[in-house]
Protein backbone atom coordinates (compact mmCIF):
# COMPACT_ATOMS: atom_id res chain seq x y z
CA MET A 1 -39.04 -65.34 6.84
CA ILE A 2 -37.56 -68.26 5.05
CA ALA A 3 -36.07 -67.52 1.65
CA SER A 4 -34.14 -69.37 -1.05
CA ILE A 5 -31.56 -68.22 -3.52
CA GLN A 6 -29.68 -69.49 -6.51
CA VAL A 7 -26.15 -68.03 -6.87
CA PHE A 8 -23.91 -68.66 -9.90
CA TYR A 9 -20.18 -68.06 -9.47
CA GLU A 10 -17.90 -67.49 -12.50
CA GLY A 11 -14.15 -67.31 -12.68
CA ASN A 12 -11.57 -69.86 -11.66
CA VAL A 13 -14.11 -71.73 -9.54
CA GLN A 14 -13.62 -75.26 -10.57
CA GLY A 15 -10.76 -77.54 -9.57
CA VAL A 16 -9.67 -75.21 -6.75
CA GLY A 17 -11.70 -76.71 -3.85
CA PHE A 18 -14.49 -74.19 -4.18
CA ARG A 19 -17.37 -76.47 -3.43
CA TYR A 20 -15.55 -77.97 -0.37
CA SER A 21 -14.85 -74.48 1.00
CA VAL A 22 -18.51 -73.32 0.46
CA ARG A 23 -19.61 -76.42 2.37
CA GLN A 24 -17.17 -75.55 5.18
CA ILE A 25 -18.47 -72.04 5.35
CA ALA A 26 -22.13 -73.29 5.35
CA LYS A 27 -21.49 -75.10 8.63
CA GLY A 28 -21.41 -71.77 10.42
CA PHE A 29 -24.81 -70.84 9.25
CA ASP A 30 -28.46 -72.08 9.93
CA ILE A 31 -29.08 -72.93 6.18
CA THR A 32 -29.73 -75.91 3.98
CA GLY A 33 -28.74 -76.30 0.35
CA ALA A 34 -26.18 -77.59 -2.20
CA VAL A 35 -23.33 -76.55 -4.32
CA ARG A 36 -22.29 -78.19 -7.60
CA ASN A 37 -19.98 -77.70 -10.68
CA LEU A 38 -21.73 -76.87 -13.87
CA PRO A 39 -20.48 -78.04 -17.42
CA ASP A 40 -19.91 -74.48 -18.51
CA GLY A 41 -17.35 -73.93 -15.80
CA ARG A 42 -19.53 -72.09 -13.32
CA VAL A 43 -20.50 -73.16 -9.88
CA GLU A 44 -24.12 -73.16 -8.72
CA LEU A 45 -25.18 -72.59 -5.18
CA LEU A 46 -28.67 -73.24 -4.01
CA ALA A 47 -29.51 -72.23 -0.36
CA THR A 48 -32.56 -71.83 1.90
CA GLY A 49 -32.81 -70.25 5.33
CA GLU A 50 -33.74 -67.03 7.00
CA GLN A 51 -32.99 -64.05 4.82
CA GLU A 52 -30.54 -62.65 7.18
CA GLU A 53 -28.64 -65.92 7.42
CA LEU A 54 -28.64 -66.23 3.59
CA ASP A 55 -27.34 -62.79 3.14
CA ALA A 56 -24.55 -63.35 5.75
CA PHE A 57 -23.64 -66.67 4.17
CA VAL A 58 -23.25 -65.25 0.60
CA GLU A 59 -21.31 -62.41 2.12
CA ALA A 60 -18.97 -64.79 4.03
CA ILE A 61 -18.27 -66.64 0.84
CA GLY A 62 -17.39 -63.33 -0.90
CA GLN A 63 -15.18 -62.33 1.97
CA SER A 64 -13.34 -65.64 2.18
CA ALA A 65 -10.20 -66.70 0.42
CA LEU A 66 -12.51 -67.86 -2.40
CA ARG A 67 -12.98 -64.22 -3.49
CA ALA A 68 -9.58 -64.53 -5.39
CA HIS A 69 -11.34 -67.12 -7.62
CA ILE A 70 -14.56 -65.26 -8.19
CA ARG A 71 -14.78 -63.01 -11.30
CA ASN A 72 -18.59 -62.54 -11.23
CA GLN A 73 -21.51 -63.71 -9.26
CA SER A 74 -25.25 -63.41 -9.78
CA ALA A 75 -28.03 -64.12 -7.26
CA THR A 76 -31.64 -64.89 -7.96
CA PRO A 77 -34.44 -65.56 -5.35
CA LEU A 78 -36.10 -68.92 -5.79
CA ILE A 79 -39.94 -69.23 -5.40
CA ASN A 80 -40.14 -73.05 -5.43
CA PRO A 81 -36.75 -74.34 -4.22
CA PRO A 82 -35.94 -78.08 -3.98
CA ALA A 83 -35.95 -79.44 -0.37
CA PHE A 84 -32.58 -80.06 1.17
CA HIS A 85 -31.51 -81.86 4.40
CA GLY A 86 -28.25 -80.24 5.53
CA PHE A 87 -25.79 -78.81 3.09
CA GLU A 88 -24.24 -81.04 0.38
CA ILE A 89 -21.88 -81.12 -2.57
CA ARG A 90 -23.86 -82.42 -5.56
CA HIS A 91 -22.17 -84.37 -8.28
CA ASP A 92 -24.87 -84.24 -11.01
């Protein structure tokens, strides 16, 4: 079953290569989505794929070297996600 999630990461997550590392991790999973910095200092992740792939992807982020930068994360399922082609870093 295809699912979509929105995850907010808080902590020292900007200016440390967080988005680029997430994009590299995403290459190992069958998902689409985007990651971007937010003006309030958080990073937003949007991802779509099979539920098991999404769970494994988010877990891989949490188990990577990025975990040292994450103070808190919150995930919410998305009912009407935007359409993505591949996985990208957004600059908006």
